[in-house]
Amino acid sequence: MKPKTSLPRGLYAITDPHLLPNKNLLSSVESALLGGAKVIQYRDKTASTHELLKNAQSLRDLCIDHQALFVINDDLDLCLRVNADGVHLGKSDGDIIKARNKLGEQKILGVTCHSELVYAQHCIKQGVDYCAFGRIFPSKTKTNAPYCKLEILEQATKLSKPCVAIGGITLENLPQLIEMNIHSVAVIHGLFAQQNIEATARKFSSFF
């Protein structure tokens, strides 16, 4: 049996269909990988089933080539169908125990906790591999997402599983998070809206 997959430390890049339409998706993600992104999460709420499958298969192959982790957002069936490394669930996007059982022990399971430490501890007991907290700063992607205070995030870094910060993270505010020993930063706009994605990813990665 292969060893349990764990979340690598560093840049966790999340795709966005508005920033990365289909024609730019693979080239932009490859740029992020060349710049050192350790995890790619495929997130698209607008694509057809056929597009989702095709894109997920192509992204999985890219991540294999670059030895990065490939995670699917909110779609357990798609994750299993393309043999992704894992799935990320929002707070109301599915039963954690059922997801853990379907994934098996080898694949990775992440969950959004917003700013709820007690919920995060509950999820860890149910078998998640990492907890995402945020939004930490004002976000261009999810403008109405609830805030997570930096004090809460600092406490989250002491949980028994890796803590991922998300929401409005840029190269300018990243040092605050590095100081509190954050495991990973999940970035959408701060990476994929930039003119040179590879150079930006390299700068993010250099902090780790």
N, C-alpha and C. Protein backbone atom coordinates (compact mmCIF):
# COMPACT_ATOMS: atom_id res chain seq x y z
N MET A 1 0.85 -1.20 0.00
CA MET A 1 0.00 0.00 0.00
C MET A 1 0.89 1.25 0.00
N LYS A 2 0.54 2.20 -0.87
CA LYS A 2 1.35 3.42 -0.91
C LYS A 2 1.13 4.27 0.34
N PRO A 3 2.11 5.09 0.73
CA PRO A 3 1.95 5.90 1.95
C PRO A 3 0.82 6.91 1.82
N LYS A 4 0.27 7.29 2.94
CA LYS A 4 -0.82 8.26 2.99
C LYS A 4 -0.36 9.59 2.38
N THR A 5 -1.20 10.17 1.52
CA THR A 5 -0.90 11.47 0.94
C THR A 5 -1.03 12.55 2.02
N SER A 6 -0.09 13.47 2.06
CA SER A 6 -0.19 14.59 3.01
C SER A 6 -0.07 15.90 2.24
N LEU A 7 -0.54 16.95 2.84
CA LEU A 7 -0.55 18.26 2.18
C LEU A 7 0.84 18.88 2.24
N PRO A 8 1.46 19.14 1.08
CA PRO A 8 2.78 19.78 1.10
C PRO A 8 2.68 21.25 1.53
N ARG A 9 3.74 21.75 2.13
CA ARG A 9 3.76 23.14 2.58
C ARG A 9 4.05 24.05 1.39
N GLY A 10 3.41 25.23 1.37
CA GLY A 10 3.72 26.18 0.31
C GLY A 10 2.50 26.75 -0.38
N LEU A 11 2.64 27.05 -1.66
CA LEU A 11 1.59 27.71 -2.44
C LEU A 11 0.54 26.70 -2.90
N TYR A 12 -0.71 26.99 -2.55
CA TYR A 12 -1.87 26.17 -2.90
C TYR A 12 -2.71 27.02 -3.85
N ALA A 13 -2.64 26.71 -5.15
CA ALA A 13 -3.29 27.54 -6.18
C ALA A 13 -4.68 27.00 -6.50
N ILE A 14 -5.67 27.91 -6.56
CA ILE A 14 -7.05 27.52 -6.86
C ILE A 14 -7.48 28.18 -8.16
N THR A 15 -8.02 27.36 -9.07
CA THR A 15 -8.45 27.89 -10.36
C THR A 15 -9.77 28.64 -10.23
N ASP A 16 -10.01 29.51 -11.18
CA ASP A 16 -11.25 30.30 -11.21
C ASP A 16 -11.67 30.45 -12.68
N PRO A 17 -12.89 30.06 -13.04
CA PRO A 17 -13.28 30.06 -14.46
C PRO A 17 -13.33 31.45 -15.09
N HIS A 18 -13.50 32.50 -14.28
CA HIS A 18 -13.54 33.86 -14.82
C HIS A 18 -12.13 34.35 -15.15
N LEU A 19 -11.18 34.01 -14.27
CA LEU A 19 -9.78 34.39 -14.52
C LEU A 19 -9.12 33.45 -15.53
N LEU A 20 -9.56 32.20 -15.53
CA LEU A 20 -8.95 31.18 -16.39
C LEU A 20 -10.00 30.49 -17.25
N PRO A 21 -10.46 31.15 -18.30
CA PRO A 21 -11.38 30.44 -19.21
C PRO A 21 -10.67 29.23 -19.81
N ASN A 22 -11.46 28.32 -20.36
CA ASN A 22 -10.89 27.04 -20.84
C ASN A 22 -9.64 27.18 -21.68
N LYS A 23 -9.60 28.17 -22.57
CA LYS A 23 -8.45 28.30 -23.48
C LYS A 23 -7.17 28.67 -22.73
N ASN A 24 -7.30 29.25 -21.54
CA ASN A 24 -6.11 29.65 -20.76
C ASN A 24 -5.82 28.75 -19.58
N LEU A 25 -6.73 27.83 -19.30
CA LEU A 25 -6.65 27.07 -18.04
C LEU A 25 -5.34 26.30 -17.91
N LEU A 26 -5.03 25.46 -18.86
CA LEU A 26 -3.86 24.58 -18.73
C LEU A 26 -2.55 25.36 -18.74
N SER A 27 -2.44 26.33 -19.64
CA SER A 27 -1.19 27.09 -19.73
C SER A 27 -0.96 27.90 -18.44
N SER A 28 -2.03 28.46 -17.89
CA SER A 28 -1.90 29.26 -16.66
C SER A 28 -1.54 28.39 -15.47
N VAL A 29 -2.19 27.24 -15.37
CA VAL A 29 -1.88 26.32 -14.27
C VAL A 29 -0.45 25.80 -14.41
N GLU A 30 -0.03 25.52 -15.64
CA GLU A 30 1.35 25.07 -15.82
C GLU A 30 2.35 26.14 -15.39
N SER A 31 2.02 27.40 -15.67
CA SER A 31 2.88 28.50 -15.22
C SER A 31 2.99 28.52 -13.70
N ALA A 32 1.86 28.31 -13.02
CA ALA A 32 1.87 28.27 -11.55
C ALA A 32 2.72 27.11 -11.05
N LEU A 33 2.61 25.97 -11.70
CA LEU A 33 3.40 24.79 -11.32
C LEU A 33 4.89 25.03 -11.56
N LEU A 34 5.22 25.64 -12.68
CA LEU A 34 6.62 25.96 -12.97
C LEU A 34 7.19 26.93 -11.94
N GLY A 35 6.32 27.77 -11.40
CA GLY A 35 6.74 28.72 -10.37
C GLY A 35 6.81 28.12 -8.98
N GLY A 36 6.40 26.85 -8.86
CA GLY A 36 6.57 26.18 -7.56
C GLY A 36 5.31 25.88 -6.79
N ALA A 37 4.11 26.08 -7.39
CA ALA A 37 2.87 25.73 -6.69
C ALA A 37 2.91 24.25 -6.31
N LYS A 38 2.55 23.95 -5.08
CA LYS A 38 2.62 22.57 -4.57
C LYS A 38 1.29 21.84 -4.70
N VAL A 39 0.19 22.62 -4.74
CA VAL A 39 -1.15 22.04 -4.83
C VAL A 39 -1.94 22.85 -5.85
N ILE A 40 -2.72 22.15 -6.68
CA ILE A 40 -3.67 22.80 -7.58
C ILE A 40 -5.06 22.29 -7.20
N GLN A 41 -5.95 23.23 -6.92
CA GLN A 41 -7.36 22.86 -6.70
C GLN A 41 -8.17 23.33 -7.90
N TYR A 42 -8.88 22.39 -8.52
CA TYR A 42 -9.73 22.71 -9.65
C TYR A 42 -11.11 23.09 -9.13
N ARG A 43 -11.46 24.36 -9.35
CA ARG A 43 -12.75 24.88 -8.86
C ARG A 43 -13.46 25.57 -10.03
N ASP A 44 -14.61 25.02 -10.43
CA ASP A 44 -15.39 25.60 -11.52
C ASP A 44 -16.85 25.25 -11.33
N LYS A 45 -17.66 26.28 -11.02
CA LYS A 45 -19.09 26.07 -10.78
C LYS A 45 -19.92 26.30 -12.04
N THR A 46 -19.26 26.57 -13.17
CA THR A 46 -19.99 26.96 -14.37
C THR A 46 -19.86 25.96 -15.52
N ALA A 47 -18.86 25.11 -15.51
CA ALA A 47 -18.58 24.22 -16.64
C ALA A 47 -19.60 23.09 -16.73
N SER A 48 -19.75 22.55 -17.92
CA SER A 48 -20.61 21.38 -18.13
C SER A 48 -19.91 20.14 -17.58
N THR A 49 -20.67 19.07 -17.43
CA THR A 49 -20.09 17.81 -16.92
C THR A 49 -18.95 17.35 -17.82
N HIS A 50 -19.14 17.47 -19.12
CA HIS A 50 -18.10 17.05 -20.08
C HIS A 50 -16.83 17.91 -19.91
N GLU A 51 -17.02 19.22 -19.79
CA GLU A 51 -15.88 20.13 -19.62
C GLU A 51 -15.14 19.85 -18.31
N LEU A 52 -15.91 19.63 -17.25
CA LEU A 52 -15.30 19.34 -15.95
C LEU A 52 -14.40 18.11 -16.02
N LEU A 53 -14.92 17.06 -16.65
CA LEU A 53 -14.17 15.81 -16.76
C LEU A 53 -12.90 16.01 -17.60
N LYS A 54 -13.06 16.65 -18.74
CA LYS A 54 -11.92 16.87 -19.63
C LYS A 54 -10.84 17.73 -18.96
N ASN A 55 -11.27 18.83 -18.34
CA ASN A 55 -10.31 19.73 -17.67
C ASN A 55 -9.63 19.03 -16.49
N ALA A 56 -10.43 18.30 -15.72
CA ALA A 56 -9.87 17.63 -14.54
C ALA A 56 -8.83 16.58 -14.95
N GLN A 57 -9.10 15.85 -16.02
CA GLN A 57 -8.13 14.85 -16.48
C GLN A 57 -6.83 15.51 -16.94
N SER A 58 -6.97 16.61 -17.67
CA SER A 58 -5.78 17.31 -18.16
C SER A 58 -4.97 17.92 -17.02
N LEU A 59 -5.67 18.50 -16.05
CA LEU A 59 -4.99 19.11 -14.90
C LEU A 59 -4.31 18.04 -14.05
N ARG A 60 -4.98 16.90 -13.90
CA ARG A 60 -4.36 15.80 -13.14
C ARG A 60 -3.04 15.39 -13.78
N ASP A 61 -3.05 15.26 -15.11
CA ASP A 61 -1.82 14.86 -15.81
C ASP A 61 -0.71 15.89 -15.64
N LEU A 62 -1.09 17.17 -15.69
CA LEU A 62 -0.12 18.25 -15.49
C LEU A 62 0.50 18.16 -14.10
N CYS A 63 -0.35 17.93 -13.10
CA CYS A 63 0.14 17.86 -11.72
C CYS A 63 1.06 16.66 -11.53
N ILE A 64 0.74 15.56 -12.18
CA ILE A 64 1.63 14.39 -12.11
C ILE A 64 2.99 14.74 -12.69
N ASP A 65 2.98 15.41 -13.85
CA ASP A 65 4.24 15.79 -14.50
C ASP A 65 5.10 16.68 -13.62
N HIS A 66 4.44 17.53 -12.82
CA HIS A 66 5.18 18.50 -11.99
C HIS A 66 5.25 18.08 -10.52
N GLN A 67 4.84 16.85 -10.24
CA GLN A 67 4.90 16.30 -8.88
C GLN A 67 4.20 17.19 -7.86
N ALA A 68 3.02 17.66 -8.28
CA ALA A 68 2.18 18.48 -7.39
C ALA A 68 0.91 17.71 -7.06
N LEU A 69 0.26 18.14 -6.01
CA LEU A 69 -0.99 17.50 -5.57
C LEU A 69 -2.16 18.10 -6.35
N PHE A 70 -3.10 17.26 -6.77
CA PHE A 70 -4.27 17.74 -7.50
C PHE A 70 -5.54 17.44 -6.70
N VAL A 71 -6.26 18.51 -6.37
CA VAL A 71 -7.46 18.42 -5.53
C VAL A 71 -8.65 18.97 -6.30
N ILE A 72 -9.80 18.33 -6.15
CA ILE A 72 -11.05 18.78 -6.78
C ILE A 72 -11.89 19.49 -5.73
N ASN A 73 -12.49 20.60 -6.13
CA ASN A 73 -13.36 21.36 -5.22
C ASN A 73 -14.78 20.79 -5.24
N ASP A 74 -15.22 20.35 -4.08
CA ASP A 74 -16.64 20.01 -3.83
C ASP A 74 -17.24 18.85 -4.62
N ASP A 75 -16.48 18.16 -5.45
CA ASP A 75 -17.07 17.13 -6.30
C ASP A 75 -16.36 15.80 -6.08
N LEU A 76 -16.89 15.04 -5.13
CA LEU A 76 -16.27 13.77 -4.75
C LEU A 76 -16.27 12.78 -5.90
N ASP A 77 -17.37 12.72 -6.66
CA ASP A 77 -17.47 11.77 -7.77
C ASP A 77 -16.43 12.08 -8.85
N LEU A 78 -16.25 13.38 -9.16
CA LEU A 78 -15.26 13.77 -10.16
C LEU A 78 -13.85 13.42 -9.67
N CYS A 79 -13.61 13.64 -8.41
CA CYS A 79 -12.31 13.30 -7.82
C CYS A 79 -11.99 11.83 -8.03
N LEU A 80 -12.96 10.97 -7.75
CA LEU A 80 -12.74 9.53 -7.89
C LEU A 80 -12.65 9.13 -9.35
N ARG A 81 -13.44 9.80 -10.20
CA ARG A 81 -13.48 9.44 -11.62
C ARG A 81 -12.14 9.70 -12.31
N VAL A 82 -11.49 10.81 -11.95
CA VAL A 82 -10.21 11.13 -12.60
C VAL A 82 -9.00 10.71 -11.76
N ASN A 83 -9.29 10.09 -10.63
CA ASN A 83 -8.23 9.66 -9.71
C ASN A 83 -7.36 10.83 -9.26
N ALA A 84 -8.04 11.91 -8.85
CA ALA A 84 -7.33 13.06 -8.27
C ALA A 84 -6.75 12.65 -6.92
N ASP A 85 -5.88 13.50 -6.39
CA ASP A 85 -5.25 13.19 -5.09
C ASP A 85 -6.19 13.41 -3.92
N GLY A 86 -7.26 14.19 -4.15
CA GLY A 86 -8.18 14.42 -3.05
C GLY A 86 -9.28 15.39 -3.41
N VAL A 87 -10.05 15.75 -2.40
CA VAL A 87 -11.19 16.64 -2.59
C VAL A 87 -11.22 17.66 -1.46
N HIS A 88 -11.72 18.86 -1.79
CA HIS A 88 -11.90 19.90 -0.77
C HIS A 88 -13.39 20.19 -0.65
N LEU A 89 -13.91 20.12 0.56
CA LEU A 89 -15.33 20.36 0.79
C LEU A 89 -15.56 21.68 1.52
N GLY A 90 -16.54 22.45 1.04
CA GLY A 90 -17.00 23.62 1.77
C GLY A 90 -17.75 23.17 3.01
N LYS A 91 -18.09 24.12 3.86
CA LYS A 91 -18.69 23.76 5.15
C LYS A 91 -20.03 23.03 5.01
N SER A 92 -20.73 23.31 3.91
CA SER A 92 -22.05 22.69 3.73
C SER A 92 -22.10 21.81 2.48
N ASP A 93 -20.94 21.29 2.09
CA ASP A 93 -20.86 20.57 0.80
C ASP A 93 -20.73 19.07 0.91
N GLY A 94 -21.17 18.52 2.01
CA GLY A 94 -21.12 17.06 2.06
C GLY A 94 -20.72 16.54 3.43
N ASP A 95 -21.03 15.29 3.64
CA ASP A 95 -20.76 14.59 4.90
C ASP A 95 -19.29 14.14 4.92
N ILE A 96 -18.55 14.60 5.92
CA ILE A 96 -17.12 14.31 5.99
C ILE A 96 -16.84 12.83 6.16
N ILE A 97 -17.59 12.17 7.01
CA ILE A 97 -17.36 10.74 7.24
C ILE A 97 -17.63 9.94 5.96
N LYS A 98 -18.73 10.28 5.26
CA LYS A 98 -19.04 9.59 4.00
C LYS A 98 -17.94 9.85 2.97
N ALA A 99 -17.48 11.11 2.91
CA ALA A 99 -16.41 11.46 1.96
C ALA A 99 -15.14 10.69 2.29
N ARG A 100 -14.79 10.62 3.57
CA ARG A 100 -13.59 9.89 3.99
C ARG A 100 -13.69 8.42 3.60
N ASN A 101 -14.86 7.84 3.82
CA ASN A 101 -15.05 6.42 3.49
C ASN A 101 -14.95 6.18 1.99
N LYS A 102 -15.51 7.10 1.19
CA LYS A 102 -15.46 6.94 -0.27
C LYS A 102 -14.04 7.15 -0.81
N LEU A 103 -13.34 8.11 -0.23
CA LEU A 103 -11.98 8.40 -0.69
C LEU A 103 -10.99 7.31 -0.30
N GLY A 104 -11.27 6.64 0.81
CA GLY A 104 -10.29 5.73 1.38
C GLY A 104 -9.25 6.51 2.16
N GLU A 105 -8.30 5.82 2.71
CA GLU A 105 -7.32 6.47 3.58
C GLU A 105 -6.18 7.15 2.81
N GLN A 106 -5.98 6.76 1.55
CA GLN A 106 -4.81 7.26 0.82
C GLN A 106 -5.00 8.67 0.26
N LYS A 107 -6.24 9.02 -0.08
CA LYS A 107 -6.48 10.34 -0.69
C LYS A 107 -6.66 11.41 0.38
N ILE A 108 -6.48 12.65 -0.04
CA ILE A 108 -6.50 13.77 0.90
C ILE A 108 -7.90 14.41 0.95
N LEU A 109 -8.31 14.81 2.13
CA LEU A 109 -9.62 15.44 2.34
C LEU A 109 -9.42 16.74 3.11
N GLY A 110 -9.81 17.85 2.47
CA GLY A 110 -9.70 19.16 3.12
C GLY A 110 -11.08 19.75 3.31
N VAL A 111 -11.18 20.69 4.24
CA VAL A 111 -12.48 21.30 4.54
C VAL A 111 -12.31 22.78 4.86
N THR A 112 -13.31 23.56 4.48
CA THR A 112 -13.34 24.98 4.82
C THR A 112 -13.94 25.15 6.21
N CYS A 113 -13.24 25.87 7.08
CA CYS A 113 -13.70 26.07 8.46
C CYS A 113 -14.02 27.54 8.76
N HIS A 114 -13.77 28.44 7.80
CA HIS A 114 -13.99 29.88 7.98
C HIS A 114 -13.16 30.41 9.15
N SER A 115 -13.79 30.54 10.33
CA SER A 115 -13.03 31.00 11.50
C SER A 115 -13.38 30.16 12.72
N GLU A 116 -13.86 28.94 12.47
CA GLU A 116 -14.42 28.11 13.55
C GLU A 116 -13.45 27.01 13.99
N LEU A 117 -12.75 27.28 15.07
CA LEU A 117 -11.75 26.34 15.58
C LEU A 117 -12.39 25.05 16.10
N VAL A 118 -13.55 25.19 16.75
CA VAL A 118 -14.23 24.00 17.29
C VAL A 118 -14.69 23.09 16.15
N TYR A 119 -15.20 23.72 15.08
CA TYR A 119 -15.61 22.94 13.91
C TYR A 119 -14.40 22.23 13.29
N ALA A 120 -13.28 22.94 13.23
CA ALA A 120 -12.05 22.35 12.68
C ALA A 120 -11.64 21.11 13.48
N GLN A 121 -11.69 21.23 14.82
CA GLN A 121 -11.32 20.09 15.67
C GLN A 121 -12.27 18.91 15.45
N HIS A 122 -13.54 19.23 15.26
CA HIS A 122 -14.55 18.20 14.97
C HIS A 122 -14.23 17.51 13.64
N CYS A 123 -13.87 18.30 12.64
CA CYS A 123 -13.55 17.74 11.32
C CYS A 123 -12.30 16.86 11.37
N ILE A 124 -11.33 17.29 12.14
CA ILE A 124 -10.08 16.51 12.28
C ILE A 124 -10.40 15.14 12.89
N LYS A 125 -11.29 15.13 13.88
CA LYS A 125 -11.70 13.85 14.49
C LYS A 125 -12.40 12.96 13.48
N GLN A 126 -13.07 13.59 12.50
CA GLN A 126 -13.79 12.81 11.49
C GLN A 126 -12.91 12.41 10.30
N GLY A 127 -11.66 12.83 10.33
CA GLY A 127 -10.72 12.30 9.34
C GLY A 127 -10.22 13.25 8.27
N VAL A 128 -10.40 14.58 8.44
CA VAL A 128 -9.86 15.49 7.41
C VAL A 128 -8.34 15.61 7.57
N ASP A 129 -7.71 15.99 6.48
CA ASP A 129 -6.25 16.08 6.45
C ASP A 129 -5.73 17.51 6.59
N TYR A 130 -6.58 18.49 6.30
CA TYR A 130 -6.20 19.88 6.52
C TYR A 130 -7.47 20.73 6.65
N CYS A 131 -7.31 21.89 7.28
CA CYS A 131 -8.43 22.81 7.49
C CYS A 131 -8.07 24.17 6.89
N ALA A 132 -8.99 24.72 6.10
CA ALA A 132 -8.77 26.04 5.49
C ALA A 132 -9.52 27.10 6.28
N PHE A 133 -8.84 28.20 6.57
CA PHE A 133 -9.43 29.30 7.34
C PHE A 133 -9.40 30.58 6.50
N GLY A 134 -10.50 31.32 6.54
CA GLY A 134 -10.56 32.59 5.80
C GLY A 134 -11.99 32.94 5.44
N ARG A 135 -12.17 34.17 4.91
CA ARG A 135 -11.14 34.95 4.26
C ARG A 135 -10.32 35.74 5.28
N ILE A 136 -9.04 35.81 5.01
CA ILE A 136 -8.14 36.49 5.93
C ILE A 136 -8.09 37.99 5.63
N PHE A 137 -8.07 38.33 4.37
CA PHE A 137 -8.03 39.72 3.91
C PHE A 137 -9.19 39.95 2.93
N PRO A 138 -9.48 41.21 2.56
CA PRO A 138 -10.55 41.44 1.59
C PRO A 138 -10.30 40.65 0.30
N SER A 139 -11.33 39.92 -0.14
CA SER A 139 -11.18 39.01 -1.28
C SER A 139 -11.90 39.53 -2.52
N LYS A 140 -11.23 39.42 -3.65
CA LYS A 140 -11.85 39.80 -4.92
C LYS A 140 -12.69 38.65 -5.49
N THR A 141 -12.42 37.44 -5.05
CA THR A 141 -13.14 36.27 -5.58
C THR A 141 -14.41 36.00 -4.80
N LYS A 142 -14.30 36.01 -3.46
CA LYS A 142 -15.47 35.78 -2.61
C LYS A 142 -15.63 36.99 -1.70
N THR A 143 -16.28 38.01 -2.25
CA THR A 143 -16.35 39.29 -1.54
C THR A 143 -17.18 39.22 -0.27
N ASN A 144 -18.12 38.28 -0.19
CA ASN A 144 -19.00 38.19 0.98
C ASN A 144 -18.63 37.08 1.95
N ALA A 145 -17.52 36.42 1.70
CA ALA A 145 -17.11 35.33 2.61
C ALA A 145 -16.83 35.90 3.99
N PRO A 146 -17.17 35.14 5.05
CA PRO A 146 -16.92 35.64 6.41
C PRO A 146 -15.43 35.79 6.69
N TYR A 147 -15.12 36.80 7.50
CA TYR A 147 -13.72 37.05 7.87
C TYR A 147 -13.24 36.06 8.93
N CYS A 148 -11.95 35.82 8.89
CA CYS A 148 -11.28 35.10 9.97
C CYS A 148 -10.18 36.02 10.49
N LYS A 149 -10.24 36.35 11.76
CA LYS A 149 -9.24 37.25 12.35
C LYS A 149 -7.88 36.56 12.42
N LEU A 150 -6.85 37.37 12.34
CA LEU A 150 -5.49 36.82 12.39
C LEU A 150 -5.22 36.08 13.70
N GLU A 151 -5.86 36.53 14.79
CA GLU A 151 -5.66 35.83 16.08
C GLU A 151 -6.21 34.40 16.01
N ILE A 152 -7.35 34.24 15.33
CA ILE A 152 -7.94 32.91 15.17
C ILE A 152 -7.04 32.05 14.29
N LEU A 153 -6.55 32.66 13.20
CA LEU A 153 -5.67 31.93 12.29
C LEU A 153 -4.42 31.45 13.03
N GLU A 154 -3.89 32.30 13.89
CA GLU A 154 -2.68 31.91 14.64
C GLU A 154 -2.97 30.70 15.53
N GLN A 155 -4.15 30.69 16.13
CA GLN A 155 -4.53 29.52 16.95
C GLN A 155 -4.69 28.28 16.06
N ALA A 156 -5.22 28.50 14.86
CA ALA A 156 -5.45 27.37 13.93
C ALA A 156 -4.14 26.72 13.50
N THR A 157 -3.06 27.49 13.48
CA THR A 157 -1.77 26.91 13.10
C THR A 157 -1.27 25.90 14.13
N LYS A 158 -1.90 25.88 15.30
CA LYS A 158 -1.49 24.94 16.35
C LYS A 158 -2.36 23.68 16.38
N LEU A 159 -3.30 23.58 15.44
CA LEU A 159 -4.11 22.36 15.34
C LEU A 159 -3.24 21.18 14.95
N SER A 160 -3.76 19.98 15.12
CA SER A 160 -2.96 18.78 14.83
C SER A 160 -2.84 18.47 13.34
N LYS A 161 -3.61 19.17 12.50
CA LYS A 161 -3.52 19.01 11.05
C LYS A 161 -3.14 20.35 10.41
N PRO A 162 -2.57 20.31 9.19
CA PRO A 162 -2.15 21.56 8.54
C PRO A 162 -3.27 22.58 8.40
N CYS A 163 -2.87 23.85 8.54
CA CYS A 163 -3.79 24.97 8.41
C CYS A 163 -3.47 25.72 7.12
N VAL A 164 -4.52 25.95 6.32
CA VAL A 164 -4.38 26.68 5.06
C VAL A 164 -5.13 28.01 5.18
N ALA A 165 -4.44 29.10 4.89
CA ALA A 165 -5.08 30.42 4.91
C ALA A 165 -5.57 30.76 3.50
N ILE A 166 -6.76 31.37 3.43
CA ILE A 166 -7.32 31.74 2.13
C ILE A 166 -8.03 33.08 2.23
N GLY A 167 -8.04 33.80 1.11
CA GLY A 167 -8.83 35.04 1.05
C GLY A 167 -7.98 36.29 0.99
N GLY A 168 -7.85 36.83 -0.23
CA GLY A 168 -7.19 38.12 -0.39
C GLY A 168 -5.69 38.10 -0.13
N ILE A 169 -5.07 36.93 -0.22
CA ILE A 169 -3.64 36.83 0.09
C ILE A 169 -2.82 37.30 -1.11
N THR A 170 -1.90 38.22 -0.84
CA THR A 170 -1.03 38.79 -1.87
C THR A 170 0.42 38.69 -1.39
N LEU A 171 1.34 39.03 -2.27
CA LEU A 171 2.76 39.04 -1.89
C LEU A 171 3.03 40.08 -0.81
N GLU A 172 2.19 41.13 -0.78
CA GLU A 172 2.39 42.20 0.19
C GLU A 172 1.97 41.80 1.60
N ASN A 173 0.87 41.04 1.72
CA ASN A 173 0.42 40.68 3.08
C ASN A 173 0.86 39.27 3.51
N LEU A 174 1.48 38.53 2.62
CA LEU A 174 1.94 37.18 2.95
C LEU A 174 2.90 37.13 4.14
N PRO A 175 3.86 38.09 4.28
CA PRO A 175 4.80 37.98 5.40
C PRO A 175 4.14 37.85 6.77
N GLN A 176 2.97 38.48 6.97
CA GLN A 176 2.26 38.36 8.25
C GLN A 176 1.90 36.90 8.54
N LEU A 177 1.54 36.17 7.49
CA LEU A 177 1.12 34.78 7.65
C LEU A 177 2.32 33.87 7.84
N ILE A 178 3.40 34.19 7.15
CA ILE A 178 4.63 33.39 7.29
C ILE A 178 5.15 33.50 8.73
N GLU A 179 5.03 34.68 9.31
CA GLU A 179 5.49 34.90 10.69
C GLU A 179 4.79 33.98 11.68
N MET A 180 3.52 33.65 11.40
CA MET A 180 2.79 32.77 12.33
C MET A 180 2.90 31.30 11.92
N ASN A 181 3.85 31.01 11.03
CA ASN A 181 4.16 29.63 10.63
C ASN A 181 2.98 28.94 9.96
N ILE A 182 2.32 29.64 9.04
CA ILE A 182 1.21 29.05 8.30
C ILE A 182 1.74 27.91 7.43
N HIS A 183 0.96 26.86 7.29
CA HIS A 183 1.41 25.69 6.51
C HIS A 183 1.34 25.98 5.01
N SER A 184 0.21 26.54 4.58
CA SER A 184 0.01 26.83 3.15
C SER A 184 -0.87 28.05 2.98
N VAL A 185 -0.74 28.70 1.82
CA VAL A 185 -1.66 29.79 1.48
C VAL A 185 -2.37 29.43 0.19
N ALA A 186 -3.69 29.52 0.22
CA ALA A 186 -4.50 29.26 -0.96
C ALA A 186 -4.75 30.59 -1.67
N VAL A 187 -4.37 30.65 -2.94
CA VAL A 187 -4.41 31.92 -3.67
C VAL A 187 -5.12 31.73 -5.00
N ILE A 188 -6.01 32.69 -5.30
CA ILE A 188 -6.72 32.69 -6.59
C ILE A 188 -6.32 33.95 -7.36
N HIS A 189 -6.93 35.06 -6.98
CA HIS A 189 -6.73 36.34 -7.70
C HIS A 189 -5.28 36.82 -7.59
N GLY A 190 -4.70 36.68 -6.41
CA GLY A 190 -3.33 37.14 -6.19
C GLY A 190 -2.30 36.42 -7.03
N LEU A 191 -2.72 35.31 -7.66
CA LEU A 191 -1.83 34.55 -8.55
C LEU A 191 -2.31 34.61 -10.00
N PHE A 192 -3.54 34.18 -10.23
CA PHE A 192 -4.01 34.00 -11.61
C PHE A 192 -4.49 35.28 -12.29
N ALA A 193 -4.60 36.38 -11.54
CA ALA A 193 -4.95 37.66 -12.17
C ALA A 193 -3.68 38.47 -12.49
N GLN A 194 -2.52 37.91 -12.19
CA GLN A 194 -1.27 38.64 -12.40
C GLN A 194 -0.75 38.41 -13.82
N GLN A 195 -0.02 39.39 -14.31
CA GLN A 195 0.46 39.33 -15.69
C GLN A 195 1.44 38.17 -15.91
N ASN A 196 2.35 37.99 -14.94
CA ASN A 196 3.32 36.90 -15.06
C ASN A 196 3.06 35.90 -13.93
N ILE A 197 2.28 34.86 -14.25
CA ILE A 197 1.85 33.89 -13.24
C ILE A 197 3.03 33.11 -12.70
N GLU A 198 3.93 32.69 -13.57
CA GLU A 198 5.07 31.90 -13.12
C GLU A 198 5.95 32.68 -12.15
N ALA A 199 6.25 33.93 -12.49
CA ALA A 199 7.10 34.76 -11.62
C ALA A 199 6.41 35.02 -10.28
N THR A 200 5.10 35.24 -10.33
CA THR A 200 4.34 35.48 -9.09
C THR A 200 4.36 34.23 -8.22
N ALA A 201 4.13 33.07 -8.83
CA ALA A 201 4.16 31.81 -8.07
C ALA A 201 5.54 31.59 -7.45
N ARG A 202 6.57 31.94 -8.20
CA ARG A 202 7.94 31.76 -7.68
C ARG A 202 8.17 32.65 -6.45
N LYS A 203 7.63 33.88 -6.50
CA LYS A 203 7.79 34.79 -5.36
C LYS A 203 7.01 34.25 -4.14
N PHE A 204 5.79 33.77 -4.37
CA PHE A 204 5.03 33.17 -3.26
C PHE A 204 5.81 32.00 -2.67
N SER A 205 6.30 31.13 -3.55
CA SER A 205 6.98 29.92 -3.10
C SER A 205 8.25 30.21 -2.33
N SER A 206 8.92 31.30 -2.69
CA SER A 206 10.20 31.64 -2.05
C SER A 206 10.03 31.93 -0.55
N PHE A 207 8.82 32.34 -0.14
CA PHE A 207 8.57 32.60 1.28
C PHE A 207 8.60 31.33 2.10
N PHE A 208 8.35 30.20 1.44
CA PHE A 208 8.31 28.93 2.16
C PHE A 208 9.62 28.17 2.08
